[in-house]
């Protein structure tokens, strides 16, 4: 089983998609262009809720832009 996260911060609402321990996650982060303040805590909350450490994420996908965060 592969744990992965995909992060898209190209819009005002950032999107975190993932599959952790076989469960799918789809989280919208309404950050109004403050991704640097809201996106990483949202990822941390997801990992805490699932009991997974960042070291247990096997793959990351990132949408590279446009946007000020990526």
C-alpha atoms as a PDB file:
ATOM      1  CA  UNK A   1       0.000   0.000   0.000  1.00  0.00           C
ATOM      2  CA  UNK A   2       1.377   3.388  -1.017  1.00  0.00           C
ATOM      3  CA  UNK A   3       0.641   6.461   1.102  1.00  0.00           C
ATOM      4  CA  UNK A   4       0.587   9.657  -0.947  1.00  0.00           C
ATOM      5  CA  UNK A   5      -0.414  13.313  -0.815  1.00  0.00           C
ATOM      6  CA  UNK A   6      -1.171  15.651  -3.714  1.00  0.00           C
ATOM      7  CA  UNK A   7      -1.197  19.391  -3.034  1.00  0.00           C
ATOM      8  CA  UNK A   8      -2.729  22.047  -5.283  1.00  0.00           C
ATOM      9  CA  UNK A   9      -2.380  25.650  -4.120  1.00  0.00           C
ATOM     10  CA  UNK A  10      -2.987  27.368  -7.455  1.00  0.00           C
ATOM     11  CA  UNK A  11      -6.424  28.705  -6.424  1.00  0.00           C
ATOM     12  CA  UNK A  12      -7.720  30.638  -3.435  1.00  0.00           C
ATOM     13  CA  UNK A  13      -8.884  27.329  -2.008  1.00  0.00           C
ATOM     14  CA  UNK A  14      -5.975  24.943  -1.673  1.00  0.00           C
ATOM     15  CA  UNK A  15      -6.658  21.260  -2.181  1.00  0.00           C
ATOM     16  CA  UNK A  16      -5.024  18.342  -0.403  1.00  0.00           C
ATOM     17  CA  UNK A  17      -5.751  14.921  -1.864  1.00  0.00           C
ATOM     18  CA  UNK A  18      -4.338  11.760  -0.467  1.00  0.00           C
ATOM     19  CA  UNK A  19      -4.521   8.098   0.177  1.00  0.00           C
ATOM     20  CA  UNK A  20      -3.289   7.077   3.608  1.00  0.00           C
ATOM     21  CA  UNK A  21      -3.533   3.493   4.818  1.00  0.00           C
ATOM     22  CA  UNK A  22      -6.018   2.744   2.048  1.00  0.00           C
ATOM     23  CA  UNK A  23      -8.364   5.628   2.911  1.00  0.00           C
ATOM     24  CA  UNK A  24      -8.965   8.507   0.482  1.00  0.00           C
ATOM     25  CA  UNK A  25      -8.865  12.108   1.704  1.00  0.00           C
ATOM     26  CA  UNK A  26     -10.022  15.275  -0.034  1.00  0.00           C
ATOM     27  CA  UNK A  27      -9.513  18.449   1.982  1.00  0.00           C
ATOM     28  CA  UNK A  28     -10.314  21.968   0.799  1.00  0.00           C
ATOM     29  CA  UNK A  29      -8.403  24.691   2.629  1.00  0.00           C
ATOM     30  CA  UNK A  30     -10.078  28.083   2.272  1.00  0.00           C
ATOM     31  CA  UNK A  31      -7.038  30.251   2.775  1.00  0.00           C
ATOM     32  CA  UNK A  32      -7.737  33.384   0.718  1.00  0.00           C
ATOM     33  CA  UNK A  33      -4.194  33.500  -0.678  1.00  0.00           C
ATOM     34  CA  UNK A  34      -2.565  32.757   2.688  1.00  0.00           C
ATOM     35  CA  UNK A  35      -1.372  29.294   1.765  1.00  0.00           C
ATOM     36  CA  UNK A  36       1.907  29.758   3.630  1.00  0.00           C
ATOM     37  CA  UNK A  37      -0.101  30.159   6.853  1.00  0.00           C
ATOM     38  CA  UNK A  38      -2.789  27.538   6.359  1.00  0.00           C
ATOM     39  CA  UNK A  39      -1.626  24.740   4.078  1.00  0.00           C
ATOM     40  CA  UNK A  40       1.125  23.174   6.176  1.00  0.00           C
ATOM     41  CA  UNK A  41      -0.986  23.138   9.381  1.00  0.00           C
ATOM     42  CA  UNK A  42      -3.798  21.468   7.404  1.00  0.00           C
ATOM     43  CA  UNK A  43      -1.388  18.748   6.254  1.00  0.00           C
ATOM     44  CA  UNK A  44      -0.135  18.342   9.815  1.00  0.00           C
ATOM     45  CA  UNK A  45      -3.744  17.970  11.048  1.00  0.00           C
ATOM     46  CA  UNK A  46      -4.431  15.295   8.441  1.00  0.00           C
ATOM     47  CA  UNK A  47      -1.341  13.341   9.441  1.00  0.00           C
ATOM     48  CA  UNK A  48      -2.225  13.633  13.143  1.00  0.00           C
ATOM     49  CA  UNK A  49      -5.803  12.457  12.494  1.00  0.00           C
ATOM     50  CA  UNK A  50      -4.581   9.418  10.584  1.00  0.00           C
ATOM     51  CA  UNK A  51      -1.758   8.640  13.018  1.00  0.00           C
ATOM     52  CA  UNK A  52       0.792   8.766  10.217  1.00  0.00           C
ATOM     53  CA  UNK A  53       4.181  10.471  10.334  1.00  0.00           C
ATOM     54  CA  UNK A  54       5.405  12.461   7.330  1.00  0.00           C
ATOM     55  CA  UNK A  55       8.131   9.814   6.974  1.00  0.00           C
ATOM     56  CA  UNK A  56       5.381   7.299   6.163  1.00  0.00           C
ATOM     57  CA  UNK A  57       4.268   9.231   3.067  1.00  0.00           C
ATOM     58  CA  UNK A  58       5.735   7.399   0.086  1.00  0.00           C
ATOM     59  CA  UNK A  59       4.980   9.939  -2.647  1.00  0.00           C
ATOM     60  CA  UNK A  60       4.066  13.594  -3.013  1.00  0.00           C
ATOM     61  CA  UNK A  61       2.447  15.330  -5.952  1.00  0.00           C
ATOM     62  CA  UNK A  62       2.546  19.093  -6.299  1.00  0.00           C
ATOM     63  CA  UNK A  63       0.774  21.351  -8.789  1.00  0.00           C
ATOM     64  CA  UNK A  64       3.503  23.851  -9.628  1.00  0.00           C
ATOM     65  CA  UNK A  65       1.602  26.958 -10.459  1.00  0.00           C
ATOM     66  CA  UNK A  66       0.752  29.605 -11.069  1.00  0.00           C
ATOM     67  CA  UNK A  67       0.505  30.740  -7.496  1.00  0.00           C
ATOM     68  CA  UNK A  68       2.623  32.439  -4.876  1.00  0.00           C
ATOM     69  CA  UNK A  69       3.050  29.361  -2.649  1.00  0.00           C
ATOM     70  CA  UNK A  70       4.336  26.908  -5.252  1.00  0.00           C
END
